Amino acid sequence: MKALLLQGKGEWKDMQVGETEKPSPGKGEILIKVKAVGLNPVDYKTATGGNPLWSYPHILGLDAAGIVEETGEGVEHLKIGDRVVYHGDLTKKGGFAEYAVTTAHTVSIIPESVSFEDAAALPTAGYTAYQALYRKLRVTEGESILIHGGAGGVGGFAIQMAKRSGLTVYTTASASNHDFVKSLGADHAIDYNETDVTAEIMKLTGGNGVDAVLDTVSRQNATDSLDCLGFNGRIAYIAGAPDFTKVKPFSKAISYHEIALGAVHQSDNLEQQKDLAVMGDDMLLLLAERQMNSLLEQVIPLEEVPQALVQLSERHVKGKIVAKI
C-alpha cells in the first residue's frame, strides 16, 4: 500500500510517499480503508523525538476516517462497509496511508451526512476539548471560561461547546482572528499580542476572575493564567502544568486538571478507552445536525502533509487541516 513514510527520528519534514506492507487486524481490531486524516501538532512533536516503540519507516497520523475493510476476531458491533473515524494510538503506525488498523471499541460511526474530511478534523482536537470541558472542568450553565488559542483546533471546538453549554466565553486570539472566534461563539476576544490578558479578564469580570481556564499554549501561559481564575476556579492544561506554587494553599482553592487524551491507549482501562467513541458519537451528531463547525480550513493531498506540518509548527494555522487519501 501507499503511505507517507517517516524514515527516522526527527525527519518528518522529509517524509515522502512510498510503498509499505498493508497491515492486518488482530483480535478486537479493524482494518480501515483510509479516506481522510486530520493533521495535529502532536504529529510533528512526536516525530521530532521519536518513540521507543516505533519501528522505521513509521507512519504518522492519529485521526483517520474511512471505511471498514476487514474485522478482526471478536469484533461484532462493526461490519465491513461501515464509515468510521477514530483517534489512534501514537505508539502504533497511523493513518497517513491507504490502510490503517485500530481498536474496534474506540471508533465512532460517521453519519451519512458528514463527510470523511469533516469527521477526520474532529478527534485529537475535538475530543481533547470535550474531555477538558465535560470530563475534567465539568462546566455548567452560567459559568465563565477563558479559552486560550481560540482560533486553533482545541480552542475552536472548546469555544463552540462552551457556548452551547451556556457559558460566557473569553478567548485569546490574534486580532486577525477575532471575527472567526466570535463566529464560533466567543463573547470576548482578547489580542494576546497587544493586551495584558490577565488585566483584561479582571476588568471584564469585575475583578472576580473566571470560573475556568483551558490552556492550550504552554507551561508559562498556564502559570500566568492562574491569576485569571476566581475563587474555586479550575484550570485544564494540555501543553504543560502550571507552577502550582504560585497560588498559596487556602487562598483561591484552585483545582488543576491534566489533559492527556491519547495516553488512554496505554492504560488498561477499557471503559476510558471506550469513552473516545462516546465523545466522537456526541460530536459527530452535532456535525450532522449542523450545530457544530468542523473547523476544516484546508484539504490537501498526502504528499503535502510535511509542508502543512511545518505550517502547524509555526503556530499560524487557523482551524484544521485534513489530508485526503
C-alpha atoms as a PDB file:
ATOM      1  CA  MET A   1       0.000   0.000   0.000  1.00  0.00           C
ATOM      2  CA  LYS A   2       0.999   3.639  -0.360  1.00  0.00           C
ATOM      3  CA  ALA A   3       1.897   5.554   2.810  1.00  0.00           C
ATOM      4  CA  LEU A   4       3.711   8.680   3.917  1.00  0.00           C
ATOM      5  CA  LEU A   5       6.883   7.262   5.421  1.00  0.00           C
ATOM      6  CA  LEU A   6       8.901   8.659   8.322  1.00  0.00           C
ATOM      7  CA  GLN A   7      12.363   7.182   7.842  1.00  0.00           C
ATOM      8  CA  GLY A   8      13.889   8.187  11.162  1.00  0.00           C
ATOM      9  CA  LYS A   9      13.614  10.290  14.303  1.00  0.00           C
ATOM     10  CA  GLY A  10      13.261  13.974  13.526  1.00  0.00           C
ATOM     11  CA  GLU A  11      12.906  13.504   9.764  1.00  0.00           C
ATOM     12  CA  TRP A  12       9.250  14.471   9.431  1.00  0.00           C
ATOM     13  CA  LYS A  13       9.949  17.408   7.095  1.00  0.00           C
ATOM     14  CA  ASP A  14      11.459  14.950   4.614  1.00  0.00           C
ATOM     15  CA  MET A  15       8.679  12.365   4.580  1.00  0.00           C
ATOM     16  CA  GLN A  16       7.715  11.030   1.164  1.00  0.00           C
ATOM     17  CA  VAL A  17       5.018   8.723  -0.144  1.00  0.00           C
ATOM     18  CA  GLY A  18       6.285   5.191  -0.705  1.00  0.00           C
ATOM     19  CA  GLU A  19       5.233   1.546  -0.657  1.00  0.00           C
ATOM     20  CA  THR A  20       4.929  -0.459   2.556  1.00  0.00           C
ATOM     21  CA  GLU A  21       3.190  -3.601   3.778  1.00  0.00           C
ATOM     22  CA  LYS A  22      -0.570  -3.476   4.214  1.00  0.00           C
ATOM     23  CA  PRO A  23      -1.495  -4.181   7.862  1.00  0.00           C
ATOM     24  CA  SER A  24      -3.887  -6.842   9.109  1.00  0.00           C
ATOM     25  CA  PRO A  25      -6.283  -6.552  12.046  1.00  0.00           C
ATOM     26  CA  GLY A  26      -5.720  -8.606  15.169  1.00  0.00           C
ATOM     27  CA  LYS A  27      -8.180  -9.616  17.862  1.00  0.00           C
ATOM     28  CA  GLY A  28     -10.558  -6.756  18.650  1.00  0.00           C
ATOM     29  CA  GLU A  29      -9.205  -4.651  15.777  1.00  0.00           C
ATOM     30  CA  ILE A  30     -10.446  -3.450  12.391  1.00  0.00           C
ATOM     31  CA  LEU A  31      -8.721  -2.651   9.107  1.00  0.00           C
ATOM     32  CA  ILE A  32      -9.819   0.660   7.625  1.00  0.00           C
ATOM     33  CA  LYS A  33      -9.512   1.870   4.048  1.00  0.00           C
ATOM     34  CA  VAL A  34      -8.494   5.421   4.865  1.00  0.00           C
ATOM     35  CA  LYS A  35     -10.267   8.320   3.172  1.00  0.00           C
ATOM     36  CA  ALA A  36      -9.093  11.322   5.200  1.00  0.00           C
ATOM     37  CA  VAL A  37      -6.629  12.079   8.003  1.00  0.00           C
ATOM     38  CA  GLY A  38      -6.501  15.098  10.289  1.00  0.00           C
ATOM     39  CA  LEU A  39      -3.208  16.875  10.953  1.00  0.00           C
ATOM     40  CA  ASN A  40      -2.239  17.836  14.504  1.00  0.00           C
ATOM     41  CA  PRO A  41       0.753  19.374  16.308  1.00  0.00           C
ATOM     42  CA  VAL A  42       1.257  16.023  18.043  1.00  0.00           C
ATOM     43  CA  ASP A  43       2.326  14.613  14.653  1.00  0.00           C
ATOM     44  CA  TYR A  44       5.475  16.712  14.331  1.00  0.00           C
ATOM     45  CA  LYS A  45       6.097  16.796  18.088  1.00  0.00           C
ATOM     46  CA  THR A  46       6.217  13.010  18.464  1.00  0.00           C
ATOM     47  CA  ALA A  47       8.105  12.629  15.185  1.00  0.00           C
ATOM     48  CA  THR A  48      10.776  15.039  16.412  1.00  0.00           C
ATOM     49  CA  GLY A  49      11.613  12.951  19.472  1.00  0.00           C
ATOM     50  CA  GLY A  50      10.525   9.590  18.151  1.00  0.00           C
ATOM     51  CA  ASN A  51       9.096   6.797  20.262  1.00  0.00           C
ATOM     52  CA  PRO A  52      10.931   3.702  21.551  1.00  0.00           C
ATOM     53  CA  LEU A  53       8.024   1.513  20.417  1.00  0.00           C
ATOM     54  CA  TRP A  54       8.258   2.630  16.796  1.00  0.00           C
ATOM     55  CA  SER A  55       9.951   0.720  14.007  1.00  0.00           C
ATOM     56  CA  TYR A  56      11.013   2.617  10.903  1.00  0.00           C
ATOM     57  CA  PRO A  57       9.766   3.504   8.440  1.00  0.00           C
ATOM     58  CA  HIS A  58       6.958   4.735  10.695  1.00  0.00           C
ATOM     59  CA  ILE A  59       3.579   6.148   9.671  1.00  0.00           C
ATOM     60  CA  LEU A  60       2.168   9.188  11.494  1.00  0.00           C
ATOM     61  CA  GLY A  61      -1.463  10.323  11.611  1.00  0.00           C
ATOM     62  CA  LEU A  62      -3.672   9.873  14.682  1.00  0.00           C
ATOM     63  CA  ASP A  63      -7.036  10.997  13.305  1.00  0.00           C
ATOM     64  CA  ALA A  64      -8.300   8.841  10.462  1.00  0.00           C
ATOM     65  CA  ALA A  65     -11.673   8.433   8.812  1.00  0.00           C
ATOM     66  CA  GLY A  66     -12.549   5.731   6.334  1.00  0.00           C
ATOM     67  CA  ILE A  67     -14.419   2.526   5.565  1.00  0.00           C
ATOM     68  CA  VAL A  68     -14.159  -0.756   7.477  1.00  0.00           C
ATOM     69  CA  GLU A  69     -12.379  -3.184   5.136  1.00  0.00           C
ATOM     70  CA  GLU A  70     -11.910  -6.145   7.470  1.00  0.00           C
ATOM     71  CA  THR A  71     -12.812  -7.045  11.054  1.00  0.00           C
ATOM     72  CA  GLY A  72     -10.634  -8.999  13.454  1.00  0.00           C
ATOM     73  CA  GLU A  73     -11.606 -11.778  15.821  1.00  0.00           C
ATOM     74  CA  GLY A  74     -14.268 -10.803  18.341  1.00  0.00           C
ATOM     75  CA  VAL A  75     -15.494  -7.674  16.572  1.00  0.00           C
ATOM     76  CA  GLU A  76     -19.277  -7.856  16.398  1.00  0.00           C
ATOM     77  CA  HIS A  77     -20.614  -4.288  16.575  1.00  0.00           C
ATOM     78  CA  LEU A  78     -18.977  -3.177  13.331  1.00  0.00           C
ATOM     79  CA  LYS A  79     -19.274  -4.575   9.833  1.00  0.00           C
ATOM     80  CA  ILE A  80     -17.473  -4.272   6.522  1.00  0.00           C
ATOM     81  CA  GLY A  81     -18.558  -1.077   4.775  1.00  0.00           C
ATOM     82  CA  ASP A  82     -19.182   0.982   7.930  1.00  0.00           C
ATOM     83  CA  ARG A  83     -17.944   4.582   7.757  1.00  0.00           C
ATOM     84  CA  VAL A  84     -15.845   5.249  10.860  1.00  0.00           C
ATOM     85  CA  VAL A  85     -13.485   7.749  12.462  1.00  0.00           C
ATOM     86  CA  TYR A  86     -11.067   7.297  15.349  1.00  0.00           C
ATOM     87  CA  HIS A  87      -8.299   8.764  17.483  1.00  0.00           C
ATOM     88  CA  GLY A  88      -5.395   6.358  17.186  1.00  0.00           C
ATOM     89  CA  ASP A  89      -2.635   5.057  19.431  1.00  0.00           C
ATOM     90  CA  LEU A  90       0.514   7.105  18.831  1.00  0.00           C
ATOM     91  CA  THR A  91       2.712   4.096  19.651  1.00  0.00           C
ATOM     92  CA  LYS A  92       1.301   2.290  16.580  1.00  0.00           C
ATOM     93  CA  LYS A  93       1.501   3.025  12.869  1.00  0.00           C
ATOM     94  CA  GLY A  94      -1.007   5.703  11.938  1.00  0.00           C
ATOM     95  CA  GLY A  95      -3.348   6.864   9.225  1.00  0.00           C
ATOM     96  CA  PHE A  96      -1.229   8.676   6.635  1.00  0.00           C
ATOM     97  CA  ALA A  97      -1.674   5.631   4.406  1.00  0.00           C
ATOM     98  CA  GLU A  98      -4.159   3.810   2.211  1.00  0.00           C
ATOM     99  CA  TYR A  99      -4.985   1.407   5.053  1.00  0.00           C
ATOM    100  CA  ALA A 100      -4.731   1.527   8.844  1.00  0.00           C
ATOM    101  CA  VAL A 101      -5.569  -0.693  11.819  1.00  0.00           C
ATOM    102  CA  THR A 102      -7.160   0.428  15.074  1.00  0.00           C
ATOM    103  CA  THR A 103      -9.077  -0.966  18.041  1.00  0.00           C
ATOM    104  CA  ALA A 104     -12.753  -1.505  17.286  1.00  0.00           C
ATOM    105  CA  HIS A 105     -14.060  -0.243  20.634  1.00  0.00           C
ATOM    106  CA  THR A 106     -12.601   3.267  20.166  1.00  0.00           C
ATOM    107  CA  VAL A 107     -14.171   4.148  16.787  1.00  0.00           C
ATOM    108  CA  SER A 108     -17.315   6.123  16.030  1.00  0.00           C
ATOM    109  CA  ILE A 109     -19.632   5.529  13.087  1.00  0.00           C
ATOM    110  CA  ILE A 110     -19.883   8.581  10.824  1.00  0.00           C
ATOM    111  CA  PRO A 111     -23.410   9.731   9.950  1.00  0.00           C
ATOM    112  CA  GLU A 112     -24.082   9.697   6.211  1.00  0.00           C
ATOM    113  CA  SER A 113     -24.497  13.477   6.143  1.00  0.00           C
ATOM    114  CA  VAL A 114     -20.950  14.036   7.486  1.00  0.00           C
ATOM    115  CA  SER A 115     -18.009  13.885   5.084  1.00  0.00           C
ATOM    116  CA  PHE A 116     -14.852  11.903   5.787  1.00  0.00           C
ATOM    117  CA  GLU A 117     -12.898  15.171   5.764  1.00  0.00           C
ATOM    118  CA  ASP A 118     -15.102  16.828   8.386  1.00  0.00           C
ATOM    119  CA  ALA A 119     -15.030  13.702  10.551  1.00  0.00           C
ATOM    120  CA  ALA A 120     -11.229  13.460  10.365  1.00  0.00           C
ATOM    121  CA  ALA A 121     -10.955  17.046  11.621  1.00  0.00           C
ATOM    122  CA  LEU A 122     -12.512  16.055  14.953  1.00  0.00           C
ATOM    123  CA  PRO A 123     -10.666  13.525  17.110  1.00  0.00           C
ATOM    124  CA  THR A 124      -7.451  14.887  18.639  1.00  0.00           C
ATOM    125  CA  ALA A 125      -8.560  18.499  18.926  1.00  0.00           C
ATOM    126  CA  GLY A 126     -12.277  17.917  19.402  1.00  0.00           C
ATOM    127  CA  TYR A 127     -12.067  15.090  21.922  1.00  0.00           C
ATOM    128  CA  THR A 128      -9.405  16.999  23.865  1.00  0.00           C
ATOM    129  CA  ALA A 129     -11.729  19.989  24.144  1.00  0.00           C
ATOM    130  CA  TYR A 130     -14.659  17.745  25.059  1.00  0.00           C
ATOM    131  CA  GLN A 131     -12.650  15.912  27.720  1.00  0.00           C
ATOM    132  CA  ALA A 132     -11.383  19.174  29.182  1.00  0.00           C
ATOM    133  CA  LEU A 133     -14.816  20.790  29.424  1.00  0.00           C
ATOM    134  CA  TYR A 134     -17.032  17.876  30.423  1.00  0.00           C
ATOM    135  CA  ARG A 135     -14.805  15.235  31.996  1.00  0.00           C
ATOM    136  CA  LYS A 136     -12.381  17.476  33.903  1.00  0.00           C
ATOM    137  CA  LEU A 137     -13.625  21.076  34.287  1.00  0.00           C
ATOM    138  CA  ARG A 138     -17.258  19.886  34.390  1.00  0.00           C
ATOM    139  CA  VAL A 139     -18.552  23.236  33.209  1.00  0.00           C
ATOM    140  CA  THR A 140     -22.138  24.262  33.893  1.00  0.00           C
ATOM    141  CA  GLU A 141     -24.520  26.849  32.537  1.00  0.00           C
ATOM    142  CA  GLY A 142     -23.918  30.363  33.806  1.00  0.00           C
ATOM    143  CA  GLU A 143     -20.198  29.944  34.410  1.00  0.00           C
ATOM    144  CA  SER A 144     -17.370  31.747  32.641  1.00  0.00           C
ATOM    145  CA  ILE A 145     -14.308  30.315  30.907  1.00  0.00           C
ATOM    146  CA  LEU A 146     -11.092  31.624  29.382  1.00  0.00           C
ATOM    147  CA  ILE A 147     -10.036  29.519  26.396  1.00  0.00           C
ATOM    148  CA  HIS A 148      -6.543  30.215  25.126  1.00  0.00           C
ATOM    149  CA  GLY A 149      -5.781  29.875  21.418  1.00  0.00           C
ATOM    150  CA  GLY A 150      -9.370  30.131  20.252  1.00  0.00           C
ATOM    151  CA  ALA A 151      -8.503  30.062  16.555  1.00  0.00           C
ATOM    152  CA  GLY A 152      -6.744  26.712  16.839  1.00  0.00           C
ATOM    153  CA  GLY A 153      -8.276  23.249  16.796  1.00  0.00           C
ATOM    154  CA  VAL A 154      -8.715  22.597  20.525  1.00  0.00           C
ATOM    155  CA  GLY A 155      -9.662  26.199  21.237  1.00  0.00           C
ATOM    156  CA  GLY A 156     -12.121  26.400  18.357  1.00  0.00           C
ATOM    157  CA  PHE A 157     -14.006  23.267  19.411  1.00  0.00           C
ATOM    158  CA  ALA A 158     -13.932  24.325  23.060  1.00  0.00           C
ATOM    159  CA  ILE A 159     -15.470  27.719  22.253  1.00  0.00           C
ATOM    160  CA  GLN A 160     -18.354  26.079  20.414  1.00  0.00           C
ATOM    161  CA  MET A 161     -19.092  23.534  23.137  1.00  0.00           C
ATOM    162  CA  ALA A 162     -18.718  26.020  25.988  1.00  0.00           C
ATOM    163  CA  LYS A 163     -21.130  28.421  24.324  1.00  0.00           C
ATOM    164  CA  ARG A 164     -23.645  25.612  23.684  1.00  0.00           C
ATOM    165  CA  SER A 165     -23.423  24.800  27.398  1.00  0.00           C
ATOM    166  CA  GLY A 166     -24.391  28.329  28.371  1.00  0.00           C
ATOM    167  CA  LEU A 167     -21.036  29.734  29.463  1.00  0.00           C
ATOM    168  CA  THR A 168     -19.662  33.229  28.997  1.00  0.00           C
ATOM    169  CA  VAL A 169     -16.663  32.602  26.762  1.00  0.00           C
ATOM    170  CA  TYR A 170     -13.473  34.641  26.766  1.00  0.00           C
ATOM    171  CA  THR A 171     -10.722  33.668  24.346  1.00  0.00           C
ATOM    172  CA  THR A 172      -7.281  34.791  23.243  1.00  0.00           C
ATOM    173  CA  ALA A 173      -6.509  35.170  19.545  1.00  0.00           C
ATOM    174  CA  SER A 174      -4.573  37.475  17.256  1.00  0.00           C
ATOM    175  CA  ALA A 175      -6.598  40.463  16.048  1.00  0.00           C
ATOM    176  CA  SER A 176      -6.947  38.984  12.558  1.00  0.00           C
ATOM    177  CA  ASN A 177      -8.832  36.006  14.027  1.00  0.00           C
ATOM    178  CA  HIS A 178     -11.263  37.900  16.260  1.00  0.00           C
ATOM    179  CA  ASP A 179     -14.143  37.712  13.783  1.00  0.00           C
ATOM    180  CA  PHE A 180     -13.516  33.984  13.374  1.00  0.00           C
ATOM    181  CA  VAL A 181     -13.556  33.143  17.087  1.00  0.00           C
ATOM    182  CA  LYS A 182     -16.632  35.292  17.631  1.00  0.00           C
ATOM    183  CA  SER A 183     -18.381  33.424  14.814  1.00  0.00           C
ATOM    184  CA  LEU A 184     -17.725  30.239  16.813  1.00  0.00           C
ATOM    185  CA  GLY A 185     -19.405  31.712  19.881  1.00  0.00           C
ATOM    186  CA  ALA A 186     -16.778  33.675  21.823  1.00  0.00           C
ATOM    187  CA  ASP A 187     -18.285  36.581  23.748  1.00  0.00           C
ATOM    188  CA  HIS A 188     -14.969  38.382  24.163  1.00  0.00           C
ATOM    189  CA  ALA A 189     -11.800  38.049  22.057  1.00  0.00           C
ATOM    190  CA  ILE A 190      -8.533  39.332  23.546  1.00  0.00           C
ATOM    191  CA  ASP A 191      -5.496  40.099  21.387  1.00  0.00           C
ATOM    192  CA  TYR A 192      -2.690  38.452  23.344  1.00  0.00           C
ATOM    193  CA  ASN A 193      -0.110  40.332  21.250  1.00  0.00           C
ATOM    194  CA  GLU A 194      -1.286  43.773  22.317  1.00  0.00           C
ATOM    195  CA  THR A 195      -3.217  43.292  25.556  1.00  0.00           C
ATOM    196  CA  ASP A 196      -2.400  42.234  29.117  1.00  0.00           C
ATOM    197  CA  VAL A 197      -4.697  39.218  29.184  1.00  0.00           C
ATOM    198  CA  THR A 198      -4.956  38.983  32.964  1.00  0.00           C
ATOM    199  CA  ALA A 199      -5.733  42.672  33.371  1.00  0.00           C
ATOM    200  CA  GLU A 200      -8.388  42.472  30.663  1.00  0.00           C
ATOM    201  CA  ILE A 201     -10.018  39.403  32.211  1.00  0.00           C
ATOM    202  CA  MET A 202     -10.161  41.029  35.627  1.00  0.00           C
ATOM    203  CA  LYS A 203     -11.646  44.154  34.083  1.00  0.00           C
ATOM    204  CA  LEU A 204     -14.285  42.220  32.157  1.00  0.00           C
ATOM    205  CA  THR A 205     -15.248  40.095  35.187  1.00  0.00           C
ATOM    206  CA  GLY A 206     -15.436  42.972  37.651  1.00  0.00           C
ATOM    207  CA  GLY A 207     -12.341  41.749  39.459  1.00  0.00           C
ATOM    208  CA  ASN A 208     -13.731  38.286  40.180  1.00  0.00           C
ATOM    209  CA  GLY A 209     -11.881  36.290  37.530  1.00  0.00           C
ATOM    210  CA  VAL A 210     -13.261  33.402  35.504  1.00  0.00           C
ATOM    211  CA  ASP A 211     -14.561  30.080  36.767  1.00  0.00           C
ATOM    212  CA  ALA A 212     -12.409  28.004  34.437  1.00  0.00           C
ATOM    213  CA  VAL A 213      -9.400  28.199  32.136  1.00  0.00           C
ATOM    214  CA  LEU A 214      -8.429  25.905  29.269  1.00  0.00           C
ATOM    215  CA  ASP A 215      -4.768  26.467  28.408  1.00  0.00           C
ATOM    216  CA  THR A 216      -3.508  25.166  25.062  1.00  0.00           C
ATOM    217  CA  VAL A 217      -0.318  27.233  24.832  1.00  0.00           C
ATOM    218  CA  SER A 218       2.491  26.476  27.286  1.00  0.00           C
ATOM    219  CA  ARG A 219       3.513  25.843  30.870  1.00  0.00           C
ATOM    220  CA  GLN A 220       4.276  29.545  31.346  1.00  0.00           C
ATOM    221  CA  ASN A 221       0.954  30.597  29.881  1.00  0.00           C
ATOM    222  CA  ALA A 222      -0.841  28.173  32.184  1.00  0.00           C
ATOM    223  CA  THR A 223       1.032  29.646  35.142  1.00  0.00           C
ATOM    224  CA  ASP A 224       0.141  33.195  34.108  1.00  0.00           C
ATOM    225  CA  SER A 225      -3.492  32.136  33.735  1.00  0.00           C
ATOM    226  CA  LEU A 226      -3.758  31.258  37.418  1.00  0.00           C
ATOM    227  CA  ASP A 227      -4.128  34.991  38.041  1.00  0.00           C
ATOM    228  CA  CYS A 228      -7.255  34.976  35.832  1.00  0.00           C
ATOM    229  CA  LEU A 229      -9.085  32.446  37.998  1.00  0.00           C
ATOM    230  CA  GLY A 230     -11.611  33.339  40.641  1.00  0.00           C
ATOM    231  CA  PHE A 231     -12.177  31.584  43.944  1.00  0.00           C
ATOM    232  CA  ASN A 232     -12.838  27.844  43.479  1.00  0.00           C
ATOM    233  CA  GLY A 233     -11.647  28.199  39.886  1.00  0.00           C
ATOM    234  CA  ARG A 234     -10.143  25.337  37.926  1.00  0.00           C
ATOM    235  CA  ILE A 235      -7.672  25.058  35.093  1.00  0.00           C
ATOM    236  CA  ALA A 236      -7.210  22.342  32.477  1.00  0.00           C
ATOM    237  CA  TYR A 237      -3.933  22.258  30.571  1.00  0.00           C
ATOM    238  CA  ILE A 238      -2.620  20.356  27.570  1.00  0.00           C
ATOM    239  CA  ALA A 239       0.787  21.963  26.971  1.00  0.00           C
ATOM    240  CA  GLY A 240       2.426  21.749  30.374  1.00  0.00           C
ATOM    241  CA  ALA A 241       1.388  22.063  34.001  1.00  0.00           C
ATOM    242  CA  PRO A 242       1.386  25.476  35.652  1.00  0.00           C
ATOM    243  CA  ASP A 243       3.667  26.280  38.579  1.00  0.00           C
ATOM    244  CA  PHE A 244       1.416  25.147  41.412  1.00  0.00           C
ATOM    245  CA  THR A 245       3.430  27.091  43.976  1.00  0.00           C
ATOM    246  CA  LYS A 246       2.236  30.397  42.522  1.00  0.00           C
ATOM    247  CA  VAL A 247      -1.067  30.117  44.388  1.00  0.00           C
ATOM    248  CA  LYS A 248      -0.834  29.780  48.168  1.00  0.00           C
ATOM    249  CA  PRO A 249      -2.808  26.960  49.794  1.00  0.00           C
ATOM    250  CA  PHE A 250      -6.099  28.024  51.379  1.00  0.00           C
ATOM    251  CA  SER A 251      -6.281  31.164  49.274  1.00  0.00           C
ATOM    252  CA  LYS A 252      -8.170  30.636  45.984  1.00  0.00           C
ATOM    253  CA  ALA A 253      -8.916  26.885  46.297  1.00  0.00           C
ATOM    254  CA  ILE A 254      -7.921  26.193  42.677  1.00  0.00           C
ATOM    255  CA  SER A 255      -8.098  22.716  41.130  1.00  0.00           C
ATOM    256  CA  TYR A 256      -5.755  21.523  38.398  1.00  0.00           C
ATOM    257  CA  HIS A 257      -6.562  19.124  35.553  1.00  0.00           C
ATOM    258  CA  GLU A 258      -4.090  17.464  33.217  1.00  0.00           C
ATOM    259  CA  ILE A 259      -5.443  16.553  29.777  1.00  0.00           C
ATOM    260  CA  ALA A 260      -3.631  13.652  28.116  1.00  0.00           C
ATOM    261  CA  LEU A 261      -6.193  12.272  25.679  1.00  0.00           C
ATOM    262  CA  GLY A 262      -4.057   9.735  23.825  1.00  0.00           C
ATOM    263  CA  ALA A 263      -2.469   8.291  26.961  1.00  0.00           C
ATOM    264  CA  VAL A 264      -5.641   6.263  27.457  1.00  0.00           C
ATOM    265  CA  HIS A 265      -4.415   3.811  24.803  1.00  0.00           C
ATOM    266  CA  GLN A 266      -1.534   2.824  27.102  1.00  0.00           C
ATOM    267  CA  SER A 267      -3.846   2.330  30.069  1.00  0.00           C
ATOM    268  CA  ASP A 268      -5.672  -0.876  30.928  1.00  0.00           C
ATOM    269  CA  ASN A 269      -8.928   0.987  31.462  1.00  0.00           C
ATOM    270  CA  LEU A 270     -11.286  -0.309  28.800  1.00  0.00           C
ATOM    271  CA  GLU A 271     -14.136   1.986  29.824  1.00  0.00           C
ATOM    272  CA  GLN A 272     -11.976   5.075  29.451  1.00  0.00           C
ATOM    273  CA  GLN A 273     -10.843   3.854  26.028  1.00  0.00           C
ATOM    274  CA  LYS A 274     -14.487   3.384  25.022  1.00  0.00           C
ATOM    275  CA  ASP A 275     -15.105   6.982  26.071  1.00  0.00           C
ATOM    276  CA  LEU A 276     -13.204   8.071  22.954  1.00  0.00           C
ATOM    277  CA  ALA A 277     -16.077   6.611  20.932  1.00  0.00           C
ATOM    278  CA  VAL A 278     -18.658   8.248  23.206  1.00  0.00           C
ATOM    279  CA  MET A 279     -17.091  11.672  22.686  1.00  0.00           C
ATOM    280  CA  GLY A 280     -16.866  11.042  18.964  1.00  0.00           C
ATOM    281  CA  ASP A 281     -20.516   9.984  18.749  1.00  0.00           C
ATOM    282  CA  ASP A 282     -21.647  13.157  20.508  1.00  0.00           C
ATOM    283  CA  MET A 283     -19.581  15.469  18.326  1.00  0.00           C
ATOM    284  CA  LEU A 284     -20.485  13.726  15.070  1.00  0.00           C
ATOM    285  CA  LEU A 285     -24.167  14.131  15.932  1.00  0.00           C
ATOM    286  CA  LEU A 286     -23.607  17.878  16.365  1.00  0.00           C
ATOM    287  CA  LEU A 287     -21.880  17.984  12.973  1.00  0.00           C
ATOM    288  CA  ALA A 288     -24.702  16.028  11.359  1.00  0.00           C
ATOM    289  CA  GLU A 289     -27.270  18.429  12.824  1.00  0.00           C
ATOM    290  CA  ARG A 290     -25.164  21.416  11.686  1.00  0.00           C
ATOM    291  CA  GLN A 291     -24.828  22.586  15.265  1.00  0.00           C
ATOM    292  CA  MET A 292     -21.031  22.487  15.173  1.00  0.00           C
ATOM    293  CA  ASN A 293     -18.368  23.745  12.786  1.00  0.00           C
ATOM    294  CA  SER A 294     -15.715  21.118  11.994  1.00  0.00           C
ATOM    295  CA  LEU A 295     -13.146  23.962  11.692  1.00  0.00           C
ATOM    296  CA  LEU A 296     -11.980  22.440   8.412  1.00  0.00           C
ATOM    297  CA  GLU A 297      -9.944  25.107   6.597  1.00  0.00           C
ATOM    298  CA  GLN A 298      -7.670  23.176   4.213  1.00  0.00           C
ATOM    299  CA  VAL A 299      -7.893  19.838   2.386  1.00  0.00           C
ATOM    300  CA  ILE A 300      -4.566  18.689   0.955  1.00  0.00           C
ATOM    301  CA  PRO A 301      -3.134  15.621  -0.801  1.00  0.00           C
ATOM    302  CA  LEU A 302      -0.994  13.179   1.169  1.00  0.00           C
ATOM    303  CA  GLU A 303       2.176  14.451  -0.487  1.00  0.00           C
ATOM    304  CA  GLU A 304       1.694  17.925   1.012  1.00  0.00           C
ATOM    305  CA  VAL A 305       1.443  16.773   4.636  1.00  0.00           C
ATOM    306  CA  PRO A 306       5.097  17.590   5.546  1.00  0.00           C
ATOM    307  CA  GLN A 307       4.713  21.162   4.310  1.00  0.00           C
ATOM    308  CA  ALA A 308       1.440  21.532   6.217  1.00  0.00           C
ATOM    309  CA  LEU A 309       3.064  20.194   9.395  1.00  0.00           C
ATOM    310  CA  VAL A 310       5.671  22.929   9.052  1.00  0.00           C
ATOM    311  CA  GLN A 311       2.793  25.424   8.972  1.00  0.00           C
ATOM    312  CA  LEU A 312       1.410  23.899  12.160  1.00  0.00           C
ATOM    313  CA  SER A 313       4.807  24.023  13.859  1.00  0.00           C
ATOM    314  CA  GLU A 314       4.980  27.762  13.179  1.00  0.00           C
ATOM    315  CA  ARG A 315       1.677  28.156  15.079  1.00  0.00           C
ATOM    316  CA  HIS A 316      -0.044  30.304  12.480  1.00  0.00           C
ATOM    317  CA  VAL A 317      -2.757  27.908  11.329  1.00  0.00           C
ATOM    318  CA  LYS A 318      -6.425  28.699  11.769  1.00  0.00           C
ATOM    319  CA  GLY A 319      -8.783  25.776  12.221  1.00  0.00           C
ATOM    320  CA  LYS A 320      -7.972  22.309  10.917  1.00  0.00           C
ATOM    321  CA  ILE A 321      -6.001  20.827   8.007  1.00  0.00           C
ATOM    322  CA  VAL A 322      -7.034  17.419   6.636  1.00  0.00           C
ATOM    323  CA  ALA A 323      -5.254  15.197   4.122  1.00  0.00           C
ATOM    324  CA  LYS A 324      -7.466  13.419   1.594  1.00  0.00           C
ATOM    325  CA  ILE A 325      -6.236   9.933   0.777  1.00  0.00           C
END
